[in-house]
C-alpha atoms as a PDB file:
ATOM      1  CA  MET A   1     -22.451 -12.487   4.799  1.00  0.00           C
ATOM      2  CA  THR A   2     -21.100 -14.017   1.599  1.00  0.00           C
ATOM      3  CA  THR A   3     -17.767 -15.785   1.495  1.00  0.00           C
ATOM      4  CA  PRO A   4     -15.446 -14.232  -1.098  1.00  0.00           C
ATOM      5  CA  VAL A   5     -14.026 -16.595  -3.709  1.00  0.00           C
ATOM      6  CA  VAL A   6     -10.323 -16.077  -4.388  1.00  0.00           C
ATOM      7  CA  SER A   7      -8.456 -18.002  -7.068  1.00  0.00           C
ATOM      8  CA  ILE A   8      -4.695 -18.096  -7.432  1.00  0.00           C
ATOM      9  CA  ALA A   9      -3.725 -18.630 -11.068  1.00  0.00           C
ATOM     10  CA  TYR A  10      -0.018 -19.399 -11.110  1.00  0.00           C
ATOM     11  CA  HIS A  11       2.867 -21.155 -12.799  1.00  0.00           C
ATOM     12  CA  SER A  12       5.857 -22.527 -10.934  1.00  0.00           C
ATOM     13  CA  GLY A  13       8.877 -23.766 -12.847  1.00  0.00           C
ATOM     14  CA  PHE A  14      10.950 -25.218 -10.011  1.00  0.00           C
ATOM     15  CA  GLY A  15       8.612 -25.063  -7.009  1.00  0.00           C
ATOM     16  CA  HIS A  16       9.572 -21.693  -5.513  1.00  0.00           C
ATOM     17  CA  THR A  17       6.516 -19.889  -6.861  1.00  0.00           C
ATOM     18  CA  ALA A  18       4.300 -22.764  -5.694  1.00  0.00           C
ATOM     19  CA  VAL A  19       5.505 -22.071  -2.135  1.00  0.00           C
ATOM     20  CA  LEU A  20       4.363 -18.464  -2.529  1.00  0.00           C
ATOM     21  CA  ALA A  21       1.037 -19.541  -4.056  1.00  0.00           C
ATOM     22  CA  GLU A  22       0.416 -21.720  -1.017  1.00  0.00           C
ATOM     23  CA  ALA A  23       1.261 -18.776   1.251  1.00  0.00           C
ATOM     24  CA  VAL A  24      -1.209 -16.530  -0.596  1.00  0.00           C
ATOM     25  CA  ARG A  25      -3.786 -19.326  -0.259  1.00  0.00           C
ATOM     26  CA  ALA A  26      -3.150 -19.618   3.480  1.00  0.00           C
ATOM     27  CA  GLY A  27      -3.508 -15.871   4.013  1.00  0.00           C
ATOM     28  CA  ALA A  28      -6.737 -15.653   2.027  1.00  0.00           C
ATOM     29  CA  ALA A  29      -8.198 -18.704   3.772  1.00  0.00           C
ATOM     30  CA  GLU A  30      -7.252 -17.276   7.176  1.00  0.00           C
ATOM     31  CA  ALA A  31      -9.228 -14.153   6.220  1.00  0.00           C
ATOM     32  CA  GLY A  32     -12.287 -16.305   5.514  1.00  0.00           C
ATOM     33  CA  ALA A  33     -12.187 -16.749   1.738  1.00  0.00           C
ATOM     34  CA  GLU A  34     -12.963 -19.825  -0.312  1.00  0.00           C
ATOM     35  CA  VAL A  35      -9.628 -20.280  -2.099  1.00  0.00           C
ATOM     36  CA  HIS A  36      -8.615 -22.236  -5.196  1.00  0.00           C
ATOM     37  CA  LEU A  37      -5.069 -22.939  -6.407  1.00  0.00           C
ATOM     38  CA  ILE A  38      -4.953 -23.228 -10.198  1.00  0.00           C
ATOM     39  CA  LYS A  39      -1.799 -24.264 -12.046  1.00  0.00           C
ATOM     40  CA  VAL A  40      -2.134 -22.399 -15.332  1.00  0.00           C
ATOM     41  CA  ASP A  41      -0.058 -24.922 -17.275  1.00  0.00           C
ATOM     42  CA  GLU A  42      -2.526 -27.686 -16.300  1.00  0.00           C
ATOM     43  CA  ILE A  43      -5.775 -25.674 -16.298  1.00  0.00           C
ATOM     44  CA  THR A  44      -9.034 -27.538 -16.921  1.00  0.00           C
ATOM     45  CA  ASP A  45     -12.433 -26.339 -18.155  1.00  0.00           C
ATOM     46  CA  GLU A  46     -13.714 -26.666 -14.593  1.00  0.00           C
ATOM     47  CA  GLN A  47     -10.896 -24.417 -13.348  1.00  0.00           C
ATOM     48  CA  TRP A  48     -11.674 -21.820 -16.030  1.00  0.00           C
ATOM     49  CA  ALA A  49     -15.229 -21.836 -14.669  1.00  0.00           C
ATOM     50  CA  THR A  50     -13.839 -21.352 -11.158  1.00  0.00           C
ATOM     51  CA  LEU A  51     -11.905 -18.291 -12.340  1.00  0.00           C
ATOM     52  CA  ASP A  52     -15.076 -16.959 -13.953  1.00  0.00           C
ATOM     53  CA  ARG A  53     -17.015 -17.173 -10.667  1.00  0.00           C
ATOM     54  CA  SER A  54     -14.175 -15.819  -8.512  1.00  0.00           C
ATOM     55  CA  ASP A  55     -14.397 -12.441  -6.836  1.00  0.00           C
ATOM     56  CA  ALA A  56     -10.624 -12.051  -7.047  1.00  0.00           C
ATOM     57  CA  ILE A  57      -7.851 -13.625  -9.113  1.00  0.00           C
ATOM     58  CA  VAL A  58      -4.255 -13.490  -7.901  1.00  0.00           C
ATOM     59  CA  PHE A  59      -1.709 -13.986 -10.685  1.00  0.00           C
ATOM     60  CA  GLY A  60       1.626 -15.638  -9.879  1.00  0.00           C
ATOM     61  CA  SER A  61       4.692 -16.572 -11.880  1.00  0.00           C
ATOM     62  CA  PRO A  62       8.448 -16.723 -11.582  1.00  0.00           C
ATOM     63  CA  THR A  63      10.258 -13.899 -13.323  1.00  0.00           C
ATOM     64  CA  TYR A  64      12.221 -15.348 -16.230  1.00  0.00           C
ATOM     65  CA  MET A  65      14.208 -13.075 -18.518  1.00  0.00           C
ATOM     66  CA  GLY A  66      12.491  -9.993 -17.110  1.00  0.00           C
ATOM     67  CA  THR A  67       8.869 -11.122 -17.395  1.00  0.00           C
ATOM     68  CA  ALA A  68       6.431 -13.858 -16.428  1.00  0.00           C
ATOM     69  CA  SER A  69       7.182 -17.392 -17.580  1.00  0.00           C
ATOM     70  CA  GLY A  70       6.224 -18.648 -21.025  1.00  0.00           C
ATOM     71  CA  ALA A  71       3.581 -20.904 -19.453  1.00  0.00           C
ATOM     72  CA  PHE A  72       1.986 -17.903 -17.765  1.00  0.00           C
ATOM     73  CA  HIS A  73       2.061 -15.905 -21.009  1.00  0.00           C
ATOM     74  CA  THR A  74       0.252 -18.799 -22.738  1.00  0.00           C
ATOM     75  CA  PHE A  75      -2.426 -18.633 -20.040  1.00  0.00           C
ATOM     76  CA  ALA A  76      -2.652 -14.840 -20.354  1.00  0.00           C
ATOM     77  CA  GLU A  77      -3.233 -15.125 -24.091  1.00  0.00           C
ATOM     78  CA  ALA A  78      -5.903 -17.774 -23.484  1.00  0.00           C
ATOM     79  CA  THR A  79      -7.804 -15.299 -21.282  1.00  0.00           C
ATOM     80  CA  SER A  80      -8.612 -13.325 -24.445  1.00  0.00           C
ATOM     81  CA  LYS A  81     -11.811 -15.379 -24.692  1.00  0.00           C
ATOM     82  CA  ARG A  82     -12.867 -13.751 -21.410  1.00  0.00           C
ATOM     83  CA  TRP A  83     -11.626 -10.352 -22.616  1.00  0.00           C
ATOM     84  CA  PHE A  84     -13.967 -10.356 -25.626  1.00  0.00           C
ATOM     85  CA  GLY A  85     -16.976 -10.647 -23.346  1.00  0.00           C
ATOM     86  CA  GLN A  86     -15.426  -8.618 -20.513  1.00  0.00           C
ATOM     87  CA  ASP A  87     -16.258 -11.612 -18.314  1.00  0.00           C
ATOM     88  CA  TRP A  88     -13.769 -10.579 -15.613  1.00  0.00           C
ATOM     89  CA  LYS A  89     -14.687  -6.892 -15.546  1.00  0.00           C
ATOM     90  CA  ASP A  90     -14.793  -5.478 -12.003  1.00  0.00           C
ATOM     91  CA  LYS A  91     -13.209  -8.550 -10.431  1.00  0.00           C
ATOM     92  CA  LEU A  92     -10.264  -7.877  -8.132  1.00  0.00           C
ATOM     93  CA  ALA A  93      -6.718  -8.781  -9.152  1.00  0.00           C
ATOM     94  CA  ALA A  94      -3.314  -8.971  -7.482  1.00  0.00           C
ATOM     95  CA  GLY A  95       0.026 -10.614  -8.171  1.00  0.00           C
ATOM     96  CA  PHE A  96       3.221 -12.167  -6.884  1.00  0.00           C
ATOM     97  CA  THR A  97       6.523 -13.270  -8.370  1.00  0.00           C
ATOM     98  CA  ASN A  98       9.911 -14.747  -7.512  1.00  0.00           C
ATOM     99  CA  SER A  99      13.397 -14.622  -8.998  1.00  0.00           C
ATOM    100  CA  ALA A 100      16.937 -15.414  -7.899  1.00  0.00           C
ATOM    101  CA  SER A 101      18.147 -11.798  -7.866  1.00  0.00           C
ATOM    102  CA  LYS A 102      17.059  -9.216  -5.309  1.00  0.00           C
ATOM    103  CA  SER A 103      15.567  -7.076  -8.087  1.00  0.00           C
ATOM    104  CA  GLY A 104      15.739  -9.383 -11.075  1.00  0.00           C
ATOM    105  CA  ASP A 105      13.285  -7.170 -12.998  1.00  0.00           C
ATOM    106  CA  LYS A 106      10.421  -8.541 -10.883  1.00  0.00           C
ATOM    107  CA  LEU A 107       8.644  -5.195 -11.170  1.00  0.00           C
ATOM    108  CA  HIS A 108       8.182  -5.836 -14.875  1.00  0.00           C
ATOM    109  CA  THR A 109       6.388  -9.115 -14.122  1.00  0.00           C
ATOM    110  CA  LEU A 110       4.094  -7.377 -11.631  1.00  0.00           C
ATOM    111  CA  GLN A 111       3.416  -4.643 -14.196  1.00  0.00           C
ATOM    112  CA  PHE A 112       2.622  -7.323 -16.779  1.00  0.00           C
ATOM    113  CA  PHE A 113       0.039  -8.710 -14.341  1.00  0.00           C
ATOM    114  CA  GLN A 114      -1.339  -5.200 -13.773  1.00  0.00           C
ATOM    115  CA  THR A 115      -1.689  -4.635 -17.506  1.00  0.00           C
ATOM    116  CA  LEU A 116      -3.399  -8.009 -17.957  1.00  0.00           C
ATOM    117  CA  ALA A 117      -5.831  -7.085 -15.180  1.00  0.00           C
ATOM    118  CA  ALA A 118      -6.437  -3.638 -16.685  1.00  0.00           C
ATOM    119  CA  GLN A 119      -7.189  -5.148 -20.094  1.00  0.00           C
ATOM    120  CA  HIS A 120      -9.871  -7.227 -18.391  1.00  0.00           C
ATOM    121  CA  GLY A 121     -11.264  -4.190 -16.539  1.00  0.00           C
ATOM    122  CA  MET A 122     -10.244  -5.636 -13.164  1.00  0.00           C
ATOM    123  CA  HIS A 123      -9.360  -3.627 -10.035  1.00  0.00           C
ATOM    124  CA  TRP A 124      -5.738  -4.028  -8.913  1.00  0.00           C
ATOM    125  CA  ILE A 125      -4.932  -4.613  -5.235  1.00  0.00           C
ATOM    126  CA  ASN A 126      -1.440  -3.523  -4.279  1.00  0.00           C
ATOM    127  CA  LEU A 127       0.620  -4.954  -1.443  1.00  0.00           C
ATOM    128  CA  GLY A 128      -0.324  -2.200   1.007  1.00  0.00           C
ATOM    129  CA  LEU A 129       2.928  -2.410   2.959  1.00  0.00           C
ATOM    130  CA  LEU A 130       5.749   0.019   3.529  1.00  0.00           C
ATOM    131  CA  PRO A 131       9.141  -1.350   2.485  1.00  0.00           C
ATOM    132  CA  GLY A 132      11.087  -3.321   5.042  1.00  0.00           C
ATOM    133  CA  TRP A 133      14.824  -3.862   5.499  1.00  0.00           C
ATOM    134  CA  ASN A 134      15.799  -0.342   4.436  1.00  0.00           C
ATOM    135  CA  SER A 135      17.367   1.116   7.565  1.00  0.00           C
ATOM    136  CA  SER A 136      20.163   0.248   9.964  1.00  0.00           C
ATOM    137  CA  THR A 137      17.639  -1.032  12.498  1.00  0.00           C
ATOM    138  CA  ALA A 138      15.665  -3.095   9.972  1.00  0.00           C
ATOM    139  CA  SER A 139      16.029  -6.796   9.242  1.00  0.00           C
ATOM    140  CA  GLU A 140      15.954  -9.079   6.237  1.00  0.00           C
ATOM    141  CA  ASN A 141      13.108 -10.784   8.118  1.00  0.00           C
ATOM    142  CA  ASP A 142      10.834  -7.732   7.700  1.00  0.00           C
ATOM    143  CA  LEU A 143       7.648  -8.004   5.666  1.00  0.00           C
ATOM    144  CA  ASN A 144       8.189  -6.601   2.164  1.00  0.00           C
ATOM    145  CA  ARG A 145      11.932  -6.872   2.692  1.00  0.00           C
ATOM    146  CA  LEU A 146      12.574  -6.215  -1.024  1.00  0.00           C
ATOM    147  CA  GLY A 147      10.492  -3.020  -1.052  1.00  0.00           C
ATOM    148  CA  PHE A 148       7.876  -3.724  -3.734  1.00  0.00           C
ATOM    149  CA  PHE A 149       4.519  -1.955  -3.741  1.00  0.00           C
ATOM    150  CA  ALA A 150       2.673  -3.406  -6.751  1.00  0.00           C
ATOM    151  CA  GLY A 151       2.552  -6.947  -5.358  1.00  0.00           C
ATOM    152  CA  ALA A 152       4.454  -9.568  -3.398  1.00  0.00           C
ATOM    153  CA  ALA A 153       7.997 -10.128  -4.626  1.00  0.00           C
ATOM    154  CA  ALA A 154      10.320 -12.856  -3.433  1.00  0.00           C
ATOM    155  CA  GLN A 155      13.970 -13.747  -3.889  1.00  0.00           C
ATOM    156  CA  SER A 156      15.189 -17.333  -3.789  1.00  0.00           C
ATOM    157  CA  ASN A 157      18.804 -18.393  -4.316  1.00  0.00           C
ATOM    158  CA  ASN A 158      19.322 -20.146  -7.641  1.00  0.00           C
ATOM    159  CA  ASP A 159      21.233 -22.988  -6.007  1.00  0.00           C
ATOM    160  CA  GLN A 160      18.425 -23.876  -3.590  1.00  0.00           C
ATOM    161  CA  GLY A 161      15.102 -25.610  -4.100  1.00  0.00           C
ATOM    162  CA  PRO A 162      11.706 -24.549  -2.807  1.00  0.00           C
ATOM    163  CA  GLU A 163      12.910 -24.988   0.777  1.00  0.00           C
ATOM    164  CA  GLY A 164      15.098 -21.918   0.174  1.00  0.00           C
ATOM    165  CA  VAL A 165      12.191 -19.491  -0.241  1.00  0.00           C
ATOM    166  CA  HIS A 166      12.829 -16.773   2.347  1.00  0.00           C
ATOM    167  CA  LYS A 167      10.434 -16.862   5.312  1.00  0.00           C
ATOM    168  CA  ALA A 168       9.875 -13.095   5.123  1.00  0.00           C
ATOM    169  CA  ASP A 169       8.804 -13.445   1.483  1.00  0.00           C
ATOM    170  CA  THR A 170       6.418 -16.243   2.422  1.00  0.00           C
ATOM    171  CA  ALA A 171       4.958 -14.050   5.181  1.00  0.00           C
ATOM    172  CA  THR A 172       4.619 -11.178   2.690  1.00  0.00           C
ATOM    173  CA  ALA A 173       2.694 -13.471   0.310  1.00  0.00           C
ATOM    174  CA  GLU A 174       0.417 -14.494   3.199  1.00  0.00           C
ATOM    175  CA  HIS A 175      -0.203 -10.800   3.856  1.00  0.00           C
ATOM    176  CA  LEU A 176      -1.171 -10.327   0.207  1.00  0.00           C
ATOM    177  CA  GLY A 177      -3.631 -13.215   0.416  1.00  0.00           C
ATOM    178  CA  ARG A 178      -5.279 -11.735   3.520  1.00  0.00           C
ATOM    179  CA  ARG A 179      -5.456  -8.298   1.901  1.00  0.00           C
ATOM    180  CA  VAL A 180      -7.094  -9.695  -1.242  1.00  0.00           C
ATOM    181  CA  ALA A 181      -9.683 -11.661   0.758  1.00  0.00           C
ATOM    182  CA  GLU A 182     -10.479  -8.708   3.024  1.00  0.00           C
ATOM    183  CA  THR A 183     -10.823  -6.354   0.043  1.00  0.00           C
ATOM    184  CA  ALA A 184     -13.049  -8.868  -1.754  1.00  0.00           C
ATOM    185  CA  ARG A 185     -15.331  -8.930   1.287  1.00  0.00           C
ATOM    186  CA  VAL A 186     -15.537  -5.115   1.330  1.00  0.00           C
ATOM    187  CA  PHE A 187     -16.359  -5.051  -2.399  1.00  0.00           C
ATOM    188  CA  ALA A 188     -19.064  -7.707  -1.934  1.00  0.00           C
ATOM    189  CA  HIS A 189     -20.691  -5.690   0.868  1.00  0.00           C
ATOM    190  CA  GLY A 190     -20.525  -2.546  -1.253  1.00  0.00           C
ATOM    191  CA  ARG A 191     -22.174  -4.274  -4.212  1.00  0.00           C
ATOM    192  CA  ALA A 192     -24.890  -5.664  -1.942  1.00  0.00           C
ATOM    193  CA  ALA A 193     -25.572  -2.205  -0.530  1.00  0.00           C
ATOM    194  CA  ALA A 194     -25.648  -0.460  -3.922  1.00  0.00           C
END
């Protein structure tokens, strides 16, 4: 049985998104994947090669002004070298984001990630969770407490540092990491059988 390779390509402006990246890493590792954290604003040639050999790439960025950060956009544009050769075609992709507001236009960031993945011919993995915290008996500690489907979305108060990342959002990011790793394993078995 092959071990799936999952890379998390992310930017974190103030540390909140790095907390989520680590949670995605932990979830994927728990599910048996070889996992690599790659800061896109410090990416090296060796890390580009790691992305190229990955079975799945999870994109992560804070949501600034209704989209991914400038540093992430710079990375996304740099992936055009891979786009020309369709080097990432049929890899798996997923995403996560964080902002200070409960909504904060995070969906637009996740959709930006989805479009980036689609341009590369990648297969998008959604969160696979029903929304939490949407009834009188629910709790803000529920998984997917903000009710996103496209990926993991987190809310962190703008007057708190990375320690303020909500535990339910961290757990939701861990869930995403596990889901990506498990799906990568299924895809690998399917390719081997085909």
